[in-house]
Amino acid sequence: MILKNNFKKLFAIFGILIILGLVVFFAEVLYLKKAHSSFENYYSFRGCVSLVEKTDSYGICRLASGQEIKLVKFQGAWYLDGDLPGGWFNF
């Protein structure tokens, strides 16, 4: 009887942890999706403090450290140049 109650408590705790993990995962996915959705969002996401140059397909901005980075539009979303999606998990 005691073992059965402990098993139920462990199962409930495990279930809660899985649910919390899924909530955090999906919140992060939505946050990243919003960041990539527009130049302004991605500009802010990357920590840019000033805009150096911008066209419809790319923008160059300056970080607080003084480093300049290039943001590029790829398939309707914004990315850091050289950090485009791809690899074995993208079809």
PDB file of N, CA and C in Angstrom:
ATOM      1  N   MET A   1       0.827  -1.198   0.000  1.00  0.00           N
ATOM      2  CA  MET A   1       0.000   0.000   0.000  1.00  0.00           C
ATOM      3  C   MET A   1       0.871   1.260   0.000  1.00  0.00           C
ATOM      4  N   ILE A   2       1.885   1.288   0.848  1.00  0.00           N
ATOM      5  CA  ILE A   2       2.773   2.455   0.919  1.00  0.00           C
ATOM      6  C   ILE A   2       3.557   2.584  -0.379  1.00  0.00           C
ATOM      7  N   LEU A   3       4.014   1.473  -0.921  1.00  0.00           N
ATOM      8  CA  LEU A   3       4.760   1.488  -2.179  1.00  0.00           C
ATOM      9  C   LEU A   3       3.893   2.020  -3.309  1.00  0.00           C
ATOM     10  N   LYS A   4       2.622   1.664  -3.299  1.00  0.00           N
ATOM     11  CA  LYS A   4       1.709   2.125  -4.327  1.00  0.00           C
ATOM     12  C   LYS A   4       1.526   3.646  -4.258  1.00  0.00           C
ATOM     13  N   ASN A   5       1.413   4.208  -3.061  1.00  0.00           N
ATOM     14  CA  ASN A   5       1.265   5.658  -2.895  1.00  0.00           C
ATOM     15  C   ASN A   5       2.530   6.387  -3.348  1.00  0.00           C
ATOM     16  N   ASN A   6       3.708   5.830  -3.016  1.00  0.00           N
ATOM     17  CA  ASN A   6       4.957   6.443  -3.444  1.00  0.00           C
ATOM     18  C   ASN A   6       5.077   6.421  -4.970  1.00  0.00           C
ATOM     19  N   PHE A   7       4.659   5.325  -5.571  1.00  0.00           N
ATOM     20  CA  PHE A   7       4.702   5.226  -7.028  1.00  0.00           C
ATOM     21  C   PHE A   7       3.798   6.285  -7.660  1.00  0.00           C
ATOM     22  N   LYS A   8       2.620   6.498  -7.097  1.00  0.00           N
ATOM     23  CA  LYS A   8       1.699   7.512  -7.620  1.00  0.00           C
ATOM     24  C   LYS A   8       2.301   8.904  -7.503  1.00  0.00           C
ATOM     25  N   LYS A   9       2.956   9.191  -6.374  1.00  0.00           N
ATOM     26  CA  LYS A   9       3.593  10.502  -6.188  1.00  0.00           C
ATOM     27  C   LYS A   9       4.727  10.695  -7.195  1.00  0.00           C
ATOM     28  N   LEU A  10       5.544   9.678  -7.378  1.00  0.00           N
ATOM     29  CA  LEU A  10       6.640   9.759  -8.342  1.00  0.00           C
ATOM     30  C   LEU A  10       6.111   9.946  -9.757  1.00  0.00           C
ATOM     31  N   PHE A  11       5.082   9.222 -10.087  1.00  0.00           N
ATOM     32  CA  PHE A  11       4.469   9.330 -11.409  1.00  0.00           C
ATOM     33  C   PHE A  11       3.909  10.736 -11.626  1.00  0.00           C
ATOM     34  N   ALA A  12       3.261  11.306 -10.614  1.00  0.00           N
ATOM     35  CA  ALA A  12       2.704  12.655 -10.716  1.00  0.00           C
ATOM     36  C   ALA A  12       3.824  13.694 -10.875  1.00  0.00           C
ATOM     37  N   ILE A  13       4.883  13.549 -10.102  1.00  0.00           N
ATOM     38  CA  ILE A  13       6.017  14.479 -10.201  1.00  0.00           C
ATOM     39  C   ILE A  13       6.657  14.379 -11.573  1.00  0.00           C
ATOM     40  N   PHE A  14       6.854  13.170 -12.050  1.00  0.00           N
ATOM     41  CA  PHE A  14       7.437  12.954 -13.372  1.00  0.00           C
ATOM     42  C   PHE A  14       6.551  13.580 -14.455  1.00  0.00           C
ATOM     43  N   GLY A  15       5.249  13.409 -14.340  1.00  0.00           N
ATOM     44  CA  GLY A  15       4.314  13.992 -15.306  1.00  0.00           C
ATOM     45  C   GLY A  15       4.364  15.511 -15.298  1.00  0.00           C
ATOM     46  N   ILE A  16       4.426  16.102 -14.109  1.00  0.00           N
ATOM     47  CA  ILE A  16       4.510  17.560 -14.004  1.00  0.00           C
ATOM     48  C   ILE A  16       5.803  18.068 -14.628  1.00  0.00           C
ATOM     49  N   LEU A  17       6.915  17.381 -14.382  1.00  0.00           N
ATOM     50  CA  LEU A  17       8.190  17.783 -14.963  1.00  0.00           C
ATOM     51  C   LEU A  17       8.167  17.705 -16.489  1.00  0.00           C
ATOM     52  N   ILE A  18       7.538  16.690 -17.026  1.00  0.00           N
ATOM     53  CA  ILE A  18       7.429  16.569 -18.482  1.00  0.00           C
ATOM     54  C   ILE A  18       6.590  17.710 -19.044  1.00  0.00           C
ATOM     55  N   ILE A  19       5.483  18.018 -18.403  1.00  0.00           N
ATOM     56  CA  ILE A  19       4.623  19.103 -18.862  1.00  0.00           C
ATOM     57  C   ILE A  19       5.365  20.439 -18.797  1.00  0.00           C
ATOM     58  N   LEU A  20       6.078  20.693 -17.705  1.00  0.00           N
ATOM     59  CA  LEU A  20       6.849  21.941 -17.590  1.00  0.00           C
ATOM     60  C   LEU A  20       7.931  22.020 -18.665  1.00  0.00           C
ATOM     61  N   GLY A  21       8.578  20.907 -18.934  1.00  0.00           N
ATOM     62  CA  GLY A  21       9.592  20.873 -19.984  1.00  0.00           C
ATOM     63  C   GLY A  21       8.996  21.189 -21.350  1.00  0.00           C
ATOM     64  N   LEU A  22       7.833  20.646 -21.642  1.00  0.00           N
ATOM     65  CA  LEU A  22       7.168  20.919 -22.917  1.00  0.00           C
ATOM     66  C   LEU A  22       6.743  22.387 -23.023  1.00  0.00           C
ATOM     67  N   VAL A  23       6.267  22.957 -21.928  1.00  0.00           N
ATOM     68  CA  VAL A  23       5.872  24.368 -21.930  1.00  0.00           C
ATOM     69  C   VAL A  23       7.078  25.250 -22.225  1.00  0.00           C
ATOM     70  N   VAL A  24       8.201  24.972 -21.573  1.00  0.00           N
ATOM     71  CA  VAL A  24       9.427  25.756 -21.807  1.00  0.00           C
ATOM     72  C   VAL A  24       9.894  25.582 -23.250  1.00  0.00           C
ATOM     73  N   PHE A  25       9.866  24.369 -23.769  1.00  0.00           N
ATOM     74  CA  PHE A  25      10.288  24.096 -25.139  1.00  0.00           C
ATOM     75  C   PHE A  25       9.450  24.885 -26.138  1.00  0.00           C
ATOM     76  N   PHE A  26       8.123  24.816 -26.004  1.00  0.00           N
ATOM     77  CA  PHE A  26       7.258  25.510 -26.963  1.00  0.00           C
ATOM     78  C   PHE A  26       7.332  27.030 -26.808  1.00  0.00           C
ATOM     79  N   ALA A  27       7.544  27.522 -25.592  1.00  0.00           N
ATOM     80  CA  ALA A  27       7.725  28.963 -25.401  1.00  0.00           C
ATOM     81  C   ALA A  27       8.990  29.428 -26.117  1.00  0.00           C
ATOM     82  N   GLU A  28      10.047  28.641 -26.050  1.00  0.00           N
ATOM     83  CA  GLU A  28      11.295  28.986 -26.733  1.00  0.00           C
ATOM     84  C   GLU A  28      11.119  28.947 -28.254  1.00  0.00           C
ATOM     85  N   VAL A  29      10.416  27.963 -28.751  1.00  0.00           N
ATOM     86  CA  VAL A  29      10.166  27.864 -30.189  1.00  0.00           C
ATOM     87  C   VAL A  29       9.376  29.088 -30.673  1.00  0.00           C
ATOM     88  N   LEU A  30       8.355  29.481 -29.942  1.00  0.00           N
ATOM     89  CA  LEU A  30       7.559  30.655 -30.329  1.00  0.00           C
ATOM     90  C   LEU A  30       8.393  31.934 -30.246  1.00  0.00           C
ATOM     91  N   TYR A  31       9.244  32.043 -29.236  1.00  0.00           N
ATOM     92  CA  TYR A  31      10.115  33.205 -29.089  1.00  0.00           C
ATOM     93  C   TYR A  31      11.061  33.322 -30.284  1.00  0.00           C
ATOM     94  N   LEU A  32      11.670  32.214 -30.678  1.00  0.00           N
ATOM     95  CA  LEU A  32      12.581  32.231 -31.822  1.00  0.00           C
ATOM     96  C   LEU A  32      11.843  32.488 -33.129  1.00  0.00           C
ATOM     97  N   LYS A  33      10.660  31.934 -33.269  1.00  0.00           N
ATOM     98  CA  LYS A  33       9.871  32.166 -34.482  1.00  0.00           C
ATOM     99  C   LYS A  33       9.546  33.658 -34.623  1.00  0.00           C
ATOM    100  N   LYS A  34       9.180  34.297 -33.509  1.00  0.00           N
ATOM    101  CA  LYS A  34       8.897  35.732 -33.541  1.00  0.00           C
ATOM    102  C   LYS A  34      10.169  36.518 -33.850  1.00  0.00           C
ATOM    103  N   ALA A  35      11.299  36.131 -33.278  1.00  0.00           N
ATOM    104  CA  ALA A  35      12.564  36.837 -33.513  1.00  0.00           C
ATOM    105  C   ALA A  35      12.935  36.812 -34.994  1.00  0.00           C
ATOM    106  N   HIS A  36      12.746  35.692 -35.659  1.00  0.00           N
ATOM    107  CA  HIS A  36      13.114  35.557 -37.068  1.00  0.00           C
ATOM    108  C   HIS A  36      12.082  36.163 -38.023  1.00  0.00           C
ATOM    109  N   SER A  37      10.929  36.572 -37.517  1.00  0.00           N
ATOM    110  CA  SER A  37       9.822  36.978 -38.385  1.00  0.00           C
ATOM    111  C   SER A  37       9.999  38.335 -39.066  1.00  0.00           C
ATOM    112  N   SER A  38      10.754  39.254 -38.475  1.00  0.00           N
ATOM    113  CA  SER A  38      10.941  40.565 -39.099  1.00  0.00           C
ATOM    114  C   SER A  38      12.350  41.071 -38.815  1.00  0.00           C
ATOM    115  N   PHE A  39      12.792  42.008 -39.640  1.00  0.00           N
ATOM    116  CA  PHE A  39      14.123  42.575 -39.446  1.00  0.00           C
ATOM    117  C   PHE A  39      14.217  43.260 -38.082  1.00  0.00           C
ATOM    118  N   GLU A  40      13.194  44.016 -37.727  1.00  0.00           N
ATOM    119  CA  GLU A  40      13.208  44.748 -36.464  1.00  0.00           C
ATOM    120  C   GLU A  40      13.308  43.795 -35.272  1.00  0.00           C
ATOM    121  N   ASN A  41      12.551  42.703 -35.318  1.00  0.00           N
ATOM    122  CA  ASN A  41      12.602  41.727 -34.227  1.00  0.00           C
ATOM    123  C   ASN A  41      13.978  41.070 -34.139  1.00  0.00           C
ATOM    124  N   TYR A  42      14.537  40.706 -35.288  1.00  0.00           N
ATOM    125  CA  TYR A  42      15.835  40.032 -35.271  1.00  0.00           C
ATOM    126  C   TYR A  42      16.953  41.001 -34.897  1.00  0.00           C
ATOM    127  N   TYR A  43      16.832  42.229 -35.321  1.00  0.00           N
ATOM    128  CA  TYR A  43      17.770  43.295 -34.964  1.00  0.00           C
ATOM    129  C   TYR A  43      17.843  43.409 -33.434  1.00  0.00           C
ATOM    130  N   SER A  44      16.698  43.453 -32.807  1.00  0.00           N
ATOM    131  CA  SER A  44      16.623  43.538 -31.349  1.00  0.00           C
ATOM    132  C   SER A  44      17.125  42.242 -30.693  1.00  0.00           C
ATOM    133  N   PHE A  45      16.722  41.103 -31.227  1.00  0.00           N
ATOM    134  CA  PHE A  45      17.120  39.798 -30.698  1.00  0.00           C
ATOM    135  C   PHE A  45      18.638  39.647 -30.667  1.00  0.00           C
ATOM    136  N   ARG A  46      19.317  40.150 -31.690  1.00  0.00           N
ATOM    137  CA  ARG A  46      20.776  40.053 -31.778  1.00  0.00           C
ATOM    138  C   ARG A  46      21.500  41.114 -30.954  1.00  0.00           C
ATOM    139  N   GLY A  47      20.779  42.087 -30.410  1.00  0.00           N
ATOM    140  CA  GLY A  47      21.384  43.090 -29.557  1.00  0.00           C
ATOM    141  C   GLY A  47      22.012  44.254 -30.291  1.00  0.00           C
ATOM    142  N   CYS A  48      21.514  44.538 -31.477  1.00  0.00           N
ATOM    143  CA  CYS A  48      22.043  45.657 -32.255  1.00  0.00           C
ATOM    144  C   CYS A  48      21.684  46.981 -31.590  1.00  0.00           C
ATOM    145  N   VAL A  49      22.624  47.941 -31.653  1.00  0.00           N
ATOM    146  CA  VAL A  49      22.363  49.257 -31.075  1.00  0.00           C
ATOM    147  C   VAL A  49      22.270  50.348 -32.134  1.00  0.00           C
ATOM    148  N   SER A  50      22.836  50.092 -33.322  1.00  0.00           N
ATOM    149  CA  SER A  50      22.700  51.080 -34.402  1.00  0.00           C
ATOM    150  C   SER A  50      22.703  50.380 -35.751  1.00  0.00           C
ATOM    151  N   LEU A  51      21.987  50.981 -36.671  1.00  0.00           N
ATOM    152  CA  LEU A  51      21.868  50.439 -38.020  1.00  0.00           C
ATOM    153  C   LEU A  51      22.893  51.121 -38.924  1.00  0.00           C
ATOM    154  N   VAL A  52      23.691  50.319 -39.614  1.00  0.00           N
ATOM    155  CA  VAL A  52      24.709  50.840 -40.525  1.00  0.00           C
ATOM    156  C   VAL A  52      24.151  50.922 -41.938  1.00  0.00           C
ATOM    157  N   GLU A  53      23.492  49.855 -42.381  1.00  0.00           N
ATOM    158  CA  GLU A  53      22.956  49.781 -43.748  1.00  0.00           C
ATOM    159  C   GLU A  53      21.832  48.759 -43.779  1.00  0.00           C
ATOM    160  N   LYS A  54      20.825  49.021 -44.624  1.00  0.00           N
ATOM    161  CA  LYS A  54      19.720  48.055 -44.746  1.00  0.00           C
ATOM    162  C   LYS A  54      19.151  48.094 -46.155  1.00  0.00           C
ATOM    163  N   THR A  55      18.885  46.900 -46.687  1.00  0.00           N
ATOM    164  CA  THR A  55      18.149  46.746 -47.937  1.00  0.00           C
ATOM    165  C   THR A  55      16.988  45.798 -47.649  1.00  0.00           C
ATOM    166  N   ASP A  56      16.289  45.382 -48.700  1.00  0.00           N
ATOM    167  CA  ASP A  56      15.195  44.434 -48.516  1.00  0.00           C
ATOM    168  C   ASP A  56      15.673  43.039 -48.148  1.00  0.00           C
ATOM    169  N   SER A  57      16.920  42.697 -48.485  1.00  0.00           N
ATOM    170  CA  SER A  57      17.395  41.335 -48.271  1.00  0.00           C
ATOM    171  C   SER A  57      18.508  41.202 -47.227  1.00  0.00           C
ATOM    172  N   TYR A  58      19.058  42.312 -46.771  1.00  0.00           N
ATOM    173  CA  TYR A  58      20.078  42.228 -45.722  1.00  0.00           C
ATOM    174  C   TYR A  58      20.162  43.542 -44.957  1.00  0.00           C
ATOM    175  N   GLY A  59      20.788  43.491 -43.819  1.00  0.00           N
ATOM    176  CA  GLY A  59      21.039  44.683 -43.025  1.00  0.00           C
ATOM    177  C   GLY A  59      22.334  44.493 -42.260  1.00  0.00           C
ATOM    178  N   ILE A  60      23.042  45.569 -42.044  1.00  0.00           N
ATOM    179  CA  ILE A  60      24.265  45.531 -41.249  1.00  0.00           C
ATOM    180  C   ILE A  60      24.028  46.422 -40.039  1.00  0.00           C
ATOM    181  N   CYS A  61      24.296  45.869 -38.867  1.00  0.00           N
ATOM    182  CA  CYS A  61      24.088  46.639 -37.645  1.00  0.00           C
ATOM    183  C   CYS A  61      25.319  46.545 -36.754  1.00  0.00           C
ATOM    184  N   ARG A  62      25.389  47.456 -35.812  1.00  0.00           N
ATOM    185  CA  ARG A  62      26.518  47.509 -34.889  1.00  0.00           C
ATOM    186  C   ARG A  62      26.037  47.099 -33.499  1.00  0.00           C
ATOM    187  N   LEU A  63      26.811  46.233 -32.861  1.00  0.00           N
ATOM    188  CA  LEU A  63      26.526  45.801 -31.501  1.00  0.00           C
ATOM    189  C   LEU A  63      27.122  46.800 -30.508  1.00  0.00           C
ATOM    190  N   ALA A  64      26.774  46.670 -29.255  1.00  0.00           N
ATOM    191  CA  ALA A  64      27.309  47.558 -28.219  1.00  0.00           C
ATOM    192  C   ALA A  64      28.830  47.468 -28.127  1.00  0.00           C
ATOM    193  N   SER A  65      29.396  46.326 -28.481  1.00  0.00           N
ATOM    194  CA  SER A  65      30.848  46.125 -28.439  1.00  0.00           C
ATOM    195  C   SER A  65      31.562  46.841 -29.586  1.00  0.00           C
ATOM    196  N   GLY A  66      30.790  47.321 -30.569  1.00  0.00           N
ATOM    197  CA  GLY A  66      31.363  47.965 -31.743  1.00  0.00           C
ATOM    198  C   GLY A  66      31.471  47.040 -32.945  1.00  0.00           C
ATOM    199  N   GLN A  67      31.271  45.756 -32.730  1.00  0.00           N
ATOM    200  CA  GLN A  67      31.322  44.778 -33.819  1.00  0.00           C
ATOM    201  C   GLN A  67      30.120  44.974 -34.742  1.00  0.00           C
ATOM    202  N   GLU A  68      30.364  44.854 -36.038  1.00  0.00           N
ATOM    203  CA  GLU A  68      29.282  44.925 -37.012  1.00  0.00           C
ATOM    204  C   GLU A  68      28.915  43.518 -37.447  1.00  0.00           C
ATOM    205  N   ILE A  69      27.617  43.258 -37.539  1.00  0.00           N
ATOM    206  CA  ILE A  69      27.141  41.956 -37.997  1.00  0.00           C
ATOM    207  C   ILE A  69      26.169  42.168 -39.151  1.00  0.00           C
ATOM    208  N   LYS A  70      26.070  41.151 -39.984  1.00  0.00           N
ATOM    209  CA  LYS A  70      25.179  41.209 -41.144  1.00  0.00           C
ATOM    210  C   LYS A  70      23.997  40.273 -40.907  1.00  0.00           C
ATOM    211  N   LEU A  71      22.806  40.802 -41.054  1.00  0.00           N
ATOM    212  CA  LEU A  71      21.571  40.034 -40.947  1.00  0.00           C
ATOM    213  C   LEU A  71      21.028  39.850 -42.350  1.00  0.00           C
ATOM    214  N   VAL A  72      20.669  38.635 -42.705  1.00  0.00           N
ATOM    215  CA  VAL A  72      20.198  38.352 -44.061  1.00  0.00           C
ATOM    216  C   VAL A  72      18.811  37.717 -44.027  1.00  0.00           C
ATOM    217  N   LYS A  73      18.054  37.986 -45.090  1.00  0.00           N
ATOM    218  CA  LYS A  73      16.730  37.388 -45.244  1.00  0.00           C
ATOM    219  C   LYS A  73      16.880  36.122 -46.074  1.00  0.00           C
ATOM    220  N   PHE A  74      16.355  35.020 -45.537  1.00  0.00           N
ATOM    221  CA  PHE A  74      16.434  33.733 -46.220  1.00  0.00           C
ATOM    222  C   PHE A  74      15.091  33.042 -46.088  1.00  0.00           C
ATOM    223  N   GLN A  75      14.453  32.781 -47.204  1.00  0.00           N
ATOM    224  CA  GLN A  75      13.147  32.122 -47.256  1.00  0.00           C
ATOM    225  C   GLN A  75      12.129  32.811 -46.346  1.00  0.00           C
ATOM    226  N   GLY A  76      12.121  34.143 -46.387  1.00  0.00           N
ATOM    227  CA  GLY A  76      11.125  34.916 -45.654  1.00  0.00           C
ATOM    228  C   GLY A  76      11.418  35.151 -44.184  1.00  0.00           C
ATOM    229  N   ALA A  77      12.564  34.699 -43.688  1.00  0.00           N
ATOM    230  CA  ALA A  77      12.922  34.903 -42.281  1.00  0.00           C
ATOM    231  C   ALA A  77      14.320  35.508 -42.196  1.00  0.00           C
ATOM    232  N   TRP A  78      14.615  36.148 -41.076  1.00  0.00           N
ATOM    233  CA  TRP A  78      15.901  36.825 -40.893  1.00  0.00           C
ATOM    234  C   TRP A  78      16.848  35.979 -40.058  1.00  0.00           C
ATOM    235  N   TYR A  79      18.123  35.975 -40.481  1.00  0.00           N
ATOM    236  CA  TYR A  79      19.162  35.180 -39.812  1.00  0.00           C
ATOM    237  C   TYR A  79      20.467  35.958 -39.785  1.00  0.00           C
ATOM    238  N   LEU A  80      21.359  35.529 -38.933  1.00  0.00           N
ATOM    239  CA  LEU A  80      22.716  36.034 -38.937  1.00  0.00           C
ATOM    240  C   LEU A  80      23.428  35.444 -40.147  1.00  0.00           C
ATOM    241  N   ASP A  81      24.130  36.278 -40.910  1.00  0.00           N
ATOM    242  CA  ASP A  81      24.834  35.787 -42.089  1.00  0.00           C
ATOM    243  C   ASP A  81      25.804  34.684 -41.685  1.00  0.00           C
ATOM    244  N   GLY A  82      25.758  33.578 -42.379  1.00  0.00           N
ATOM    245  CA  GLY A  82      26.595  32.425 -42.066  1.00  0.00           C
ATOM    246  C   GLY A  82      25.952  31.463 -41.084  1.00  0.00           C
ATOM    247  N   ASP A  83      24.763  31.793 -40.594  1.00  0.00           N
ATOM    248  CA  ASP A  83      24.069  30.945 -39.619  1.00  0.00           C
ATOM    249  C   ASP A  83      22.680  30.576 -40.137  1.00  0.00           C
ATOM    250  N   LEU A  84      22.612  30.305 -41.441  1.00  0.00           N
ATOM    251  CA  LEU A  84      21.333  29.977 -42.060  1.00  0.00           C
ATOM    252  C   LEU A  84      20.898  28.577 -41.670  1.00  0.00           C
ATOM    253  N   PRO A  85      19.595  28.335 -41.681  1.00  0.00           N
ATOM    254  CA  PRO A  85      19.121  26.992 -41.344  1.00  0.00           C
ATOM    255  C   PRO A  85      19.565  25.985 -42.380  1.00  0.00           C
ATOM    256  N   GLY A  86      19.653  24.781 -41.971  1.00  0.00           N
ATOM    257  CA  GLY A  86      20.063  23.703 -42.872  1.00  0.00           C
ATOM    258  C   GLY A  86      20.557  22.540 -42.052  1.00  0.00           C
ATOM    259  N   GLY A  87      21.090  21.594 -42.710  1.00  0.00           N
ATOM    260  CA  GLY A  87      21.611  20.434 -41.996  1.00  0.00           C
ATOM    261  C   GLY A  87      20.720  19.232 -42.206  1.00  0.00           C
ATOM    262  N   TRP A  88      21.001  18.232 -41.449  1.00  0.00           N
ATOM    263  CA  TRP A  88      20.339  16.937 -41.638  1.00  0.00           C
ATOM    264  C   TRP A  88      18.875  16.938 -41.216  1.00  0.00           C
ATOM    265  N   PHE A  89      18.435  17.858 -40.334  1.00  0.00           N
ATOM    266  CA  PHE A  89      17.063  17.803 -39.849  1.00  0.00           C
ATOM    267  C   PHE A  89      16.098  18.664 -40.653  1.00  0.00           C
ATOM    268  N   ASN A  90      16.577  19.439 -41.592  1.00  0.00           N
ATOM    269  CA  ASN A  90      15.697  20.260 -42.445  1.00  0.00           C
ATOM    270  C   ASN A  90      15.443  19.547 -43.759  1.00  0.00           C
ATOM    271  N   PHE A  91      14.184  19.501 -44.135  1.00  0.00           N
ATOM    272  CA  PHE A  91      13.830  18.837 -45.384  1.00  0.00           C
ATOM    273  C   PHE A  91      13.410  19.846 -46.410  1.00  0.00           C
TER     274      PHE A  91
END
